[in-house]
C-alpha atoms as a PDB file:
ATOM      1  CA  MET A   1       0.000   0.000   0.000  1.00  0.00           C
ATOM      2  CA  GLU A   2       1.310   3.434  -0.912  1.00  0.00           C
ATOM      3  CA  ASN A   3       0.885   6.469   1.301  1.00  0.00           C
ATOM      4  CA  ASP A   4       1.514  10.196   1.491  1.00  0.00           C
ATOM      5  CA  VAL A   5       2.550  10.283   5.144  1.00  0.00           C
ATOM      6  CA  ARG A   6       6.061  11.579   4.491  1.00  0.00           C
ATOM      7  CA  ALA A   7       4.901  14.387   2.190  1.00  0.00           C
ATOM      8  CA  LEU A   8       2.154  15.427   4.610  1.00  0.00           C
ATOM      9  CA  ARG A   9       4.537  15.301   7.577  1.00  0.00           C
ATOM     10  CA  GLU A  10       7.225  17.320   5.822  1.00  0.00           C
ATOM     11  CA  ALA A  11       4.684  19.885   4.617  1.00  0.00           C
ATOM     12  CA  LYS A  12       3.819  20.539   8.277  1.00  0.00           C
ATOM     13  CA  GLY A  13       7.489  20.679   9.268  1.00  0.00           C
ATOM     14  CA  LEU A  14       7.191  17.710  11.606  1.00  0.00           C
ATOM     15  CA  THR A  15       9.803  15.118  12.491  1.00  0.00           C
ATOM     16  CA  GLN A  16       8.911  11.451  12.499  1.00  0.00           C
ATOM     17  CA  ALA A  17       9.168  11.530  16.293  1.00  0.00           C
ATOM     18  CA  GLN A  18       6.738  14.441  16.568  1.00  0.00           C
ATOM     19  CA  LEU A  19       4.168  12.729  14.350  1.00  0.00           C
ATOM     20  CA  GLY A  20       4.633   9.461  16.214  1.00  0.00           C
ATOM     21  CA  GLU A  21       4.041  11.188  19.536  1.00  0.00           C
ATOM     22  CA  ALA A  22       0.923  12.893  18.178  1.00  0.00           C
ATOM     23  CA  VAL A  23      -0.640   9.589  17.085  1.00  0.00           C
ATOM     24  CA  GLY A  24       0.743   7.372  19.854  1.00  0.00           C
ATOM     25  CA  VAL A  25       3.443   5.337  18.118  1.00  0.00           C
ATOM     26  CA  SER A  26       7.232   5.359  17.907  1.00  0.00           C
ATOM     27  CA  ARG A  27       9.374   7.231  15.399  1.00  0.00           C
ATOM     28  CA  GLN A  28      10.389   3.834  14.036  1.00  0.00           C
ATOM     29  CA  SER A  29       6.761   2.973  13.307  1.00  0.00           C
ATOM     30  CA  ILE A  30       6.308   6.205  11.355  1.00  0.00           C
ATOM     31  CA  ASN A  31       9.531   5.478   9.452  1.00  0.00           C
ATOM     32  CA  SER A  32       8.320   1.974   8.551  1.00  0.00           C
ATOM     33  CA  ILE A  33       4.933   3.289   7.412  1.00  0.00           C
ATOM     34  CA  GLU A  34       6.557   5.960   5.240  1.00  0.00           C
ATOM     35  CA  LYS A  35       8.864   3.416   3.601  1.00  0.00           C
ATOM     36  CA  GLY A  36       5.976   1.011   2.954  1.00  0.00           C
ATOM     37  CA  ARG A  37       7.453  -1.725   5.155  1.00  0.00           C
ATOM     38  CA  TYR A  38       4.497  -1.624   7.542  1.00  0.00           C
ATOM     39  CA  ASP A  39       0.797  -1.110   6.894  1.00  0.00           C
ATOM     40  CA  PRO A  40      -0.763   0.551   9.925  1.00  0.00           C
ATOM     41  CA  SER A  41      -3.749  -0.867  11.742  1.00  0.00           C
ATOM     42  CA  LEU A  42      -7.061   0.724  10.852  1.00  0.00           C
ATOM     43  CA  PRO A  43      -7.191   2.755  14.110  1.00  0.00           C
ATOM     44  CA  LEU A  44      -3.669   4.066  13.465  1.00  0.00           C
ATOM     45  CA  ALA A  45      -4.444   4.868   9.820  1.00  0.00           C
ATOM     46  CA  ILE A  46      -7.514   6.792  10.980  1.00  0.00           C
ATOM     47  CA  ALA A  47      -5.481   8.664  13.614  1.00  0.00           C
ATOM     48  CA  ILE A  48      -2.869   9.678  11.035  1.00  0.00           C
ATOM     49  CA  ALA A  49      -5.501  10.773   8.532  1.00  0.00           C
ATOM     50  CA  ARG A  50      -7.380  12.784  11.160  1.00  0.00           C
ATOM     51  CA  TYR A  51      -4.159  14.437  12.285  1.00  0.00           C
ATOM     52  CA  PHE A  52      -3.687  15.779   8.756  1.00  0.00           C
ATOM     53  CA  ASP A  53      -7.410  16.535   8.319  1.00  0.00           C
ATOM     54  CA  LYS A  54      -7.637  14.016   5.461  1.00  0.00           C
ATOM     55  CA  THR A  55      -9.600  10.852   4.810  1.00  0.00           C
ATOM     56  CA  VAL A  56      -7.854   7.490   5.146  1.00  0.00           C
ATOM     57  CA  GLU A  57      -8.267   7.042   1.386  1.00  0.00           C
ATOM     58  CA  GLU A  58      -6.478  10.348   0.718  1.00  0.00           C
ATOM     59  CA  VAL A  59      -3.458   9.288   2.791  1.00  0.00           C
ATOM     60  CA  PHE A  60      -3.300   5.543   2.085  1.00  0.00           C
ATOM     61  CA  HIS A  61      -3.931   4.216  -1.420  1.00  0.00           C
ATOM     62  CA  ALA A  62      -3.081   1.374  -3.792  1.00  0.00           C
END
């Protein structure tokens, strides 16, 4: 699954650690999601999307 997490995070000037703290996961989890090595759980995907005021489908896509 592809995602726009890195672009959205960088556009807000956030570090991976800051985003991770905001959504309740580690910096390493954010790094793995951005690199496509880890697909987040649905609750985490929703939390990330809400953080950026986007839908899950806008952030995570095929």
